[in-house]
């Protein structure tokens, strides 16, 4: 089995750089692409077929919720993880309704959490 392929969609270069480093530090994961807008993220997701999409909620133009809603049918087995720097308690229910698998505060994202989210998602989609 190959690496878990990760696409990052975020309009901030600093976060994309941090996400790239986080993915590189996570055993069994590899970064396969990045996008700065929801539209480019959707196109990249369809083209690259990632296993995991790290998707910022607050993007210019189309937001991450709408992007997740559009990506989900094209990536039925992918873990779409919405991210925000704000508390996700209120937004997590909406995230699930738009096709996202998880909602994570950016500051909480670590290799261990990424692996746990993927393992839980993979178990839910096994068989």
N, C-alpha and C. Protein backbone atom coordinates (compact mmCIF):
# COMPACT_ATOMS: atom_id res chain seq x y z
N UNK A 1 0.84 -1.18 0.00
CA UNK A 1 0.00 0.00 0.00
C UNK A 1 0.89 1.24 0.00
N UNK A 2 0.53 2.25 -0.82
CA UNK A 2 1.33 3.46 -0.94
C UNK A 2 1.05 4.45 0.16
N UNK A 3 1.66 5.60 0.02
CA UNK A 3 1.48 6.69 0.97
C UNK A 3 0.07 7.26 0.90
N UNK A 4 -0.35 7.87 2.01
CA UNK A 4 -1.60 8.60 2.05
C UNK A 4 -1.33 9.95 1.39
N UNK A 5 -2.06 10.25 0.33
CA UNK A 5 -1.82 11.43 -0.49
C UNK A 5 -2.64 12.62 0.02
N UNK A 6 -1.97 13.75 0.28
CA UNK A 6 -2.61 14.91 0.91
C UNK A 6 -2.56 16.13 -0.02
N UNK A 7 -3.72 16.78 -0.17
CA UNK A 7 -3.85 18.05 -0.88
C UNK A 7 -4.19 19.12 0.16
N UNK A 8 -3.49 20.24 0.14
CA UNK A 8 -3.76 21.35 1.04
C UNK A 8 -4.34 22.52 0.25
N UNK A 9 -5.48 23.04 0.73
CA UNK A 9 -6.13 24.19 0.09
C UNK A 9 -6.24 25.29 1.14
N UNK A 10 -5.40 26.32 1.01
CA UNK A 10 -5.36 27.43 1.96
C UNK A 10 -4.78 28.64 1.26
N UNK A 11 -5.32 29.82 1.54
CA UNK A 11 -4.85 31.02 0.86
C UNK A 11 -3.64 31.67 1.54
N UNK A 12 -3.21 31.13 2.67
CA UNK A 12 -2.05 31.69 3.37
C UNK A 12 -0.80 30.82 3.13
N UNK A 13 0.21 31.43 2.55
CA UNK A 13 1.45 30.71 2.23
C UNK A 13 2.10 30.13 3.48
N UNK A 14 2.02 30.85 4.59
CA UNK A 14 2.63 30.37 5.83
C UNK A 14 1.98 29.07 6.29
N UNK A 15 0.65 29.00 6.19
CA UNK A 15 -0.01 27.75 6.60
C UNK A 15 0.29 26.63 5.62
N UNK A 16 0.30 26.92 4.33
CA UNK A 16 0.63 25.87 3.35
C UNK A 16 2.01 25.31 3.62
N UNK A 17 2.94 26.17 3.95
CA UNK A 17 4.30 25.72 4.28
C UNK A 17 4.29 24.85 5.54
N UNK A 18 3.55 25.28 6.55
CA UNK A 18 3.45 24.49 7.79
C UNK A 18 2.78 23.14 7.52
N UNK A 19 1.73 23.14 6.70
CA UNK A 19 1.04 21.89 6.37
C UNK A 19 1.96 20.94 5.61
N UNK A 20 2.75 21.50 4.69
CA UNK A 20 3.71 20.69 3.93
C UNK A 20 4.70 20.02 4.88
N UNK A 21 5.21 20.79 5.84
CA UNK A 21 6.15 20.24 6.83
C UNK A 21 5.48 19.20 7.71
N UNK A 22 4.24 19.44 8.11
CA UNK A 22 3.50 18.51 8.95
C UNK A 22 3.28 17.18 8.21
N UNK A 23 2.87 17.27 6.96
CA UNK A 23 2.65 16.05 6.17
C UNK A 23 3.96 15.29 6.00
N UNK A 24 5.03 16.02 5.72
CA UNK A 24 6.34 15.38 5.56
C UNK A 24 6.79 14.69 6.84
N UNK A 25 6.38 15.23 7.99
CA UNK A 25 6.77 14.67 9.28
C UNK A 25 5.86 13.53 9.73
N UNK A 26 4.80 13.27 8.96
CA UNK A 26 3.83 12.22 9.32
C UNK A 26 4.15 10.96 8.53
N UNK A 27 4.56 9.91 9.23
CA UNK A 27 4.93 8.65 8.60
C UNK A 27 3.79 8.13 7.73
N UNK A 28 4.13 7.80 6.48
CA UNK A 28 3.15 7.21 5.58
C UNK A 28 2.31 8.22 4.81
N UNK A 29 2.60 9.50 4.95
CA UNK A 29 1.84 10.54 4.27
C UNK A 29 2.75 11.32 3.33
N UNK A 30 2.18 11.81 2.22
CA UNK A 30 2.94 12.65 1.29
C UNK A 30 2.04 13.75 0.76
N UNK A 31 2.63 14.93 0.58
CA UNK A 31 1.93 16.06 -0.01
C UNK A 31 1.95 15.90 -1.52
N UNK A 32 0.75 15.97 -2.14
CA UNK A 32 0.68 15.81 -3.59
C UNK A 32 0.27 17.09 -4.31
N UNK A 33 -0.09 18.12 -3.53
CA UNK A 33 -0.47 19.36 -4.17
C UNK A 33 -0.98 20.39 -3.20
N UNK A 34 -1.07 21.62 -3.71
CA UNK A 34 -1.56 22.75 -2.94
C UNK A 34 -2.39 23.65 -3.85
N UNK A 35 -3.33 24.36 -3.26
CA UNK A 35 -4.13 25.34 -3.98
C UNK A 35 -4.42 26.50 -3.04
N UNK A 36 -4.67 27.68 -3.63
CA UNK A 36 -4.90 28.87 -2.82
C UNK A 36 -6.35 29.35 -2.84
N UNK A 37 -7.17 28.79 -3.72
CA UNK A 37 -8.59 29.15 -3.77
C UNK A 37 -9.43 27.88 -3.78
N UNK A 38 -10.70 28.03 -3.46
CA UNK A 38 -11.60 26.88 -3.49
C UNK A 38 -11.73 26.31 -4.89
N UNK A 39 -11.85 27.19 -5.87
CA UNK A 39 -12.00 26.73 -7.25
C UNK A 39 -10.78 25.92 -7.69
N UNK A 40 -9.59 26.43 -7.40
CA UNK A 40 -8.36 25.70 -7.76
C UNK A 40 -8.25 24.41 -6.94
N UNK A 41 -8.71 24.45 -5.69
CA UNK A 41 -8.68 23.26 -4.85
C UNK A 41 -9.58 22.15 -5.38
N UNK A 42 -10.76 22.53 -5.85
CA UNK A 42 -11.69 21.55 -6.43
C UNK A 42 -11.06 20.92 -7.67
N UNK A 43 -10.52 21.77 -8.54
CA UNK A 43 -9.88 21.26 -9.77
C UNK A 43 -8.71 20.34 -9.43
N UNK A 44 -7.89 20.73 -8.44
CA UNK A 44 -6.74 19.91 -8.04
C UNK A 44 -7.21 18.59 -7.43
N UNK A 45 -8.28 18.64 -6.64
CA UNK A 45 -8.79 17.41 -6.02
C UNK A 45 -9.27 16.42 -7.08
N UNK A 46 -9.96 16.93 -8.08
CA UNK A 46 -10.46 16.06 -9.14
C UNK A 46 -9.29 15.50 -9.96
N UNK A 47 -8.29 16.32 -10.21
CA UNK A 47 -7.13 15.90 -11.01
C UNK A 47 -6.21 14.95 -10.24
N UNK A 48 -5.96 15.25 -8.96
CA UNK A 48 -4.96 14.50 -8.18
C UNK A 48 -5.54 13.31 -7.42
N UNK A 49 -6.85 13.31 -7.17
CA UNK A 49 -7.52 12.23 -6.41
C UNK A 49 -6.82 11.95 -5.08
N UNK A 50 -6.65 12.97 -4.21
CA UNK A 50 -5.96 12.75 -2.94
C UNK A 50 -6.79 11.89 -1.99
N UNK A 51 -6.10 11.31 -1.01
CA UNK A 51 -6.79 10.56 0.04
C UNK A 51 -7.29 11.50 1.12
N UNK A 52 -6.57 12.61 1.33
CA UNK A 52 -6.90 13.60 2.36
C UNK A 52 -6.85 14.98 1.73
N UNK A 53 -7.87 15.80 2.04
CA UNK A 53 -7.86 17.21 1.64
C UNK A 53 -7.90 18.04 2.92
N UNK A 54 -6.88 18.84 3.13
CA UNK A 54 -6.86 19.81 4.23
C UNK A 54 -7.38 21.11 3.64
N UNK A 55 -8.59 21.52 4.06
CA UNK A 55 -9.34 22.58 3.38
C UNK A 55 -9.70 23.70 4.34
N UNK A 56 -9.14 24.88 4.10
CA UNK A 56 -9.43 26.04 4.92
C UNK A 56 -10.89 26.45 4.75
N UNK A 57 -11.54 26.85 5.84
CA UNK A 57 -12.92 27.31 5.78
C UNK A 57 -13.00 28.70 5.15
N UNK A 58 -12.10 29.58 5.53
CA UNK A 58 -12.15 30.98 5.10
C UNK A 58 -11.24 31.22 3.91
N UNK A 59 -11.77 30.98 2.72
CA UNK A 59 -11.04 31.21 1.48
C UNK A 59 -11.64 32.41 0.76
N UNK A 60 -10.87 33.10 -0.05
CA UNK A 60 -11.44 34.22 -0.81
C UNK A 60 -12.44 33.69 -1.84
N UNK A 61 -13.53 34.39 -2.03
CA UNK A 61 -14.55 33.92 -2.96
C UNK A 61 -15.36 32.80 -2.33
N UNK A 62 -15.36 31.64 -2.95
CA UNK A 62 -16.08 30.48 -2.42
C UNK A 62 -15.42 30.01 -1.13
N UNK A 63 -16.23 29.74 -0.09
CA UNK A 63 -15.65 29.28 1.18
C UNK A 63 -15.41 27.77 1.16
N UNK A 64 -14.75 27.30 2.20
CA UNK A 64 -14.40 25.89 2.30
C UNK A 64 -15.60 24.96 2.42
N UNK A 65 -16.69 25.44 3.04
CA UNK A 65 -17.89 24.61 3.15
C UNK A 65 -18.45 24.27 1.76
N UNK A 66 -18.55 25.29 0.91
CA UNK A 66 -19.07 25.06 -0.44
C UNK A 66 -18.08 24.22 -1.25
N UNK A 67 -16.79 24.46 -1.06
CA UNK A 67 -15.79 23.65 -1.76
C UNK A 67 -15.91 22.18 -1.35
N UNK A 68 -16.10 21.93 -0.06
CA UNK A 68 -16.26 20.54 0.42
C UNK A 68 -17.51 19.92 -0.19
N UNK A 69 -18.59 20.69 -0.24
CA UNK A 69 -19.84 20.18 -0.82
C UNK A 69 -19.63 19.77 -2.28
N UNK A 70 -18.82 20.53 -3.00
CA UNK A 70 -18.57 20.22 -4.41
C UNK A 70 -17.54 19.11 -4.60
N UNK A 71 -16.59 18.98 -3.68
CA UNK A 71 -15.56 17.94 -3.78
C UNK A 71 -16.08 16.56 -3.39
N UNK A 72 -16.93 16.53 -2.37
CA UNK A 72 -17.34 15.25 -1.77
C UNK A 72 -17.85 14.22 -2.78
N UNK A 73 -18.74 14.58 -3.71
CA UNK A 73 -19.22 13.57 -4.67
C UNK A 73 -18.11 13.02 -5.57
N UNK A 74 -17.11 13.86 -5.88
CA UNK A 74 -16.02 13.43 -6.75
C UNK A 74 -14.97 12.61 -6.01
N UNK A 75 -14.94 12.73 -4.68
CA UNK A 75 -13.95 12.03 -3.85
C UNK A 75 -14.65 11.26 -2.73
N UNK A 76 -15.46 10.27 -3.07
CA UNK A 76 -16.28 9.61 -2.05
C UNK A 76 -15.49 8.90 -0.95
N UNK A 77 -14.24 8.54 -1.22
CA UNK A 77 -13.46 7.83 -0.21
C UNK A 77 -12.41 8.70 0.46
N UNK A 78 -12.38 9.98 0.12
CA UNK A 78 -11.38 10.88 0.68
C UNK A 78 -11.81 11.42 2.04
N UNK A 79 -10.83 11.71 2.85
CA UNK A 79 -11.04 12.41 4.13
C UNK A 79 -10.94 13.90 3.80
N UNK A 80 -12.07 14.60 3.86
CA UNK A 80 -12.08 16.05 3.64
C UNK A 80 -12.12 16.69 5.01
N UNK A 81 -11.03 17.34 5.36
CA UNK A 81 -10.86 17.92 6.69
C UNK A 81 -10.91 19.44 6.59
N UNK A 82 -12.02 20.02 7.05
CA UNK A 82 -12.13 21.48 7.09
C UNK A 82 -11.29 21.99 8.24
N UNK A 83 -10.66 23.14 8.02
CA UNK A 83 -9.77 23.70 9.04
C UNK A 83 -10.07 25.18 9.23
N UNK A 84 -9.89 25.64 10.46
CA UNK A 84 -10.04 27.05 10.77
C UNK A 84 -9.19 27.36 11.98
N UNK A 85 -8.81 28.62 12.11
CA UNK A 85 -8.08 29.04 13.30
C UNK A 85 -9.02 29.28 14.47
N UNK A 86 -10.34 29.28 14.22
CA UNK A 86 -11.32 29.50 15.28
C UNK A 86 -11.86 28.18 15.81
N UNK A 87 -12.56 28.25 16.91
CA UNK A 87 -13.13 27.06 17.55
C UNK A 87 -14.14 26.40 16.63
N UNK A 88 -14.02 25.10 16.48
CA UNK A 88 -14.88 24.37 15.57
C UNK A 88 -16.15 23.80 16.17
N UNK A 89 -16.46 24.09 17.42
CA UNK A 89 -17.62 23.48 18.06
C UNK A 89 -18.91 23.76 17.31
N UNK A 90 -19.13 24.99 16.91
CA UNK A 90 -20.37 25.35 16.22
C UNK A 90 -20.32 24.89 14.77
N UNK A 91 -19.16 24.95 14.15
CA UNK A 91 -19.04 24.69 12.73
C UNK A 91 -18.96 23.21 12.38
N UNK A 92 -18.66 22.34 13.32
CA UNK A 92 -18.46 20.93 13.00
C UNK A 92 -19.72 20.27 12.47
N UNK A 93 -20.91 20.63 12.99
CA UNK A 93 -22.15 20.05 12.49
C UNK A 93 -22.37 20.45 11.04
N UNK A 94 -22.14 21.71 10.73
CA UNK A 94 -22.29 22.18 9.36
C UNK A 94 -21.27 21.52 8.45
N UNK A 95 -20.05 21.31 8.95
CA UNK A 95 -19.01 20.65 8.17
C UNK A 95 -19.49 19.27 7.71
N UNK A 96 -20.09 18.51 8.61
CA UNK A 96 -20.57 17.18 8.26
C UNK A 96 -21.68 17.24 7.21
N UNK A 97 -22.55 18.23 7.31
CA UNK A 97 -23.65 18.35 6.35
C UNK A 97 -23.18 18.73 4.95
N UNK A 98 -21.99 19.33 4.84
CA UNK A 98 -21.52 19.74 3.51
C UNK A 98 -20.58 18.70 2.89
N UNK A 99 -20.42 17.56 3.54
CA UNK A 99 -19.61 16.49 2.96
C UNK A 99 -18.23 16.34 3.56
N UNK A 100 -17.88 17.22 4.48
CA UNK A 100 -16.57 17.10 5.13
C UNK A 100 -16.60 15.96 6.14
N UNK A 101 -15.46 15.35 6.36
CA UNK A 101 -15.35 14.23 7.28
C UNK A 101 -14.97 14.69 8.68
N UNK A 102 -14.23 15.80 8.75
CA UNK A 102 -13.72 16.27 10.04
C UNK A 102 -13.60 17.79 10.03
N UNK A 103 -13.55 18.36 11.22
CA UNK A 103 -13.28 19.78 11.38
C UNK A 103 -12.20 19.90 12.44
N UNK A 104 -11.11 20.58 12.10
CA UNK A 104 -9.96 20.68 13.00
C UNK A 104 -9.51 22.14 13.08
N UNK A 105 -9.20 22.58 14.28
CA UNK A 105 -8.57 23.90 14.41
C UNK A 105 -7.14 23.77 13.89
N UNK A 106 -6.71 24.74 13.10
CA UNK A 106 -5.38 24.67 12.50
C UNK A 106 -4.29 24.46 13.54
N UNK A 107 -4.42 25.12 14.66
CA UNK A 107 -3.38 25.03 15.69
C UNK A 107 -3.34 23.66 16.36
N UNK A 108 -4.38 22.85 16.17
CA UNK A 108 -4.41 21.50 16.76
C UNK A 108 -3.86 20.43 15.82
N UNK A 109 -3.66 20.77 14.57
CA UNK A 109 -3.22 19.79 13.58
C UNK A 109 -1.77 19.38 13.83
N UNK A 110 -1.58 18.10 14.09
CA UNK A 110 -0.26 17.51 14.36
C UNK A 110 -0.19 16.16 13.63
N UNK A 111 1.02 15.62 13.46
CA UNK A 111 1.12 14.31 12.80
C UNK A 111 0.23 13.24 13.46
N UNK A 112 0.23 13.17 14.78
CA UNK A 112 -0.58 12.16 15.46
C UNK A 112 -2.07 12.32 15.19
N UNK A 113 -2.55 13.56 15.18
CA UNK A 113 -3.96 13.81 14.90
C UNK A 113 -4.29 13.46 13.44
N UNK A 114 -3.41 13.82 12.53
CA UNK A 114 -3.62 13.49 11.13
C UNK A 114 -3.70 11.97 10.94
N UNK A 115 -2.81 11.24 11.59
CA UNK A 115 -2.85 9.77 11.50
C UNK A 115 -4.13 9.21 12.11
N UNK A 116 -4.54 9.74 13.26
CA UNK A 116 -5.76 9.27 13.93
C UNK A 116 -6.99 9.53 13.07
N UNK A 117 -7.08 10.72 12.50
CA UNK A 117 -8.21 11.04 11.62
C UNK A 117 -8.25 10.08 10.44
N UNK A 118 -7.08 9.84 9.83
CA UNK A 118 -7.03 8.95 8.67
C UNK A 118 -7.39 7.52 9.06
N UNK A 119 -6.86 7.02 10.16
CA UNK A 119 -7.17 5.65 10.58
C UNK A 119 -8.64 5.48 10.87
N UNK A 120 -9.25 6.45 11.54
CA UNK A 120 -10.68 6.39 11.83
C UNK A 120 -11.48 6.42 10.55
N UNK A 121 -11.11 7.29 9.64
CA UNK A 121 -11.80 7.40 8.36
C UNK A 121 -11.64 6.11 7.55
N UNK A 122 -10.43 5.57 7.50
CA UNK A 122 -10.18 4.34 6.74
C UNK A 122 -10.99 3.17 7.29
N UNK A 123 -11.09 3.07 8.62
CA UNK A 123 -11.90 2.00 9.23
C UNK A 123 -13.36 2.15 8.86
N UNK A 124 -13.85 3.39 8.86
CA UNK A 124 -15.26 3.64 8.53
C UNK A 124 -15.58 3.30 7.06
N UNK A 125 -14.56 3.37 6.19
CA UNK A 125 -14.77 3.11 4.78
C UNK A 125 -14.23 1.75 4.32
N UNK A 126 -13.79 0.92 5.27
CA UNK A 126 -13.27 -0.40 4.92
C UNK A 126 -14.42 -1.33 4.52
N UNK A 127 -14.12 -2.18 3.56
CA UNK A 127 -15.07 -3.19 3.15
C UNK A 127 -16.24 -2.59 2.53
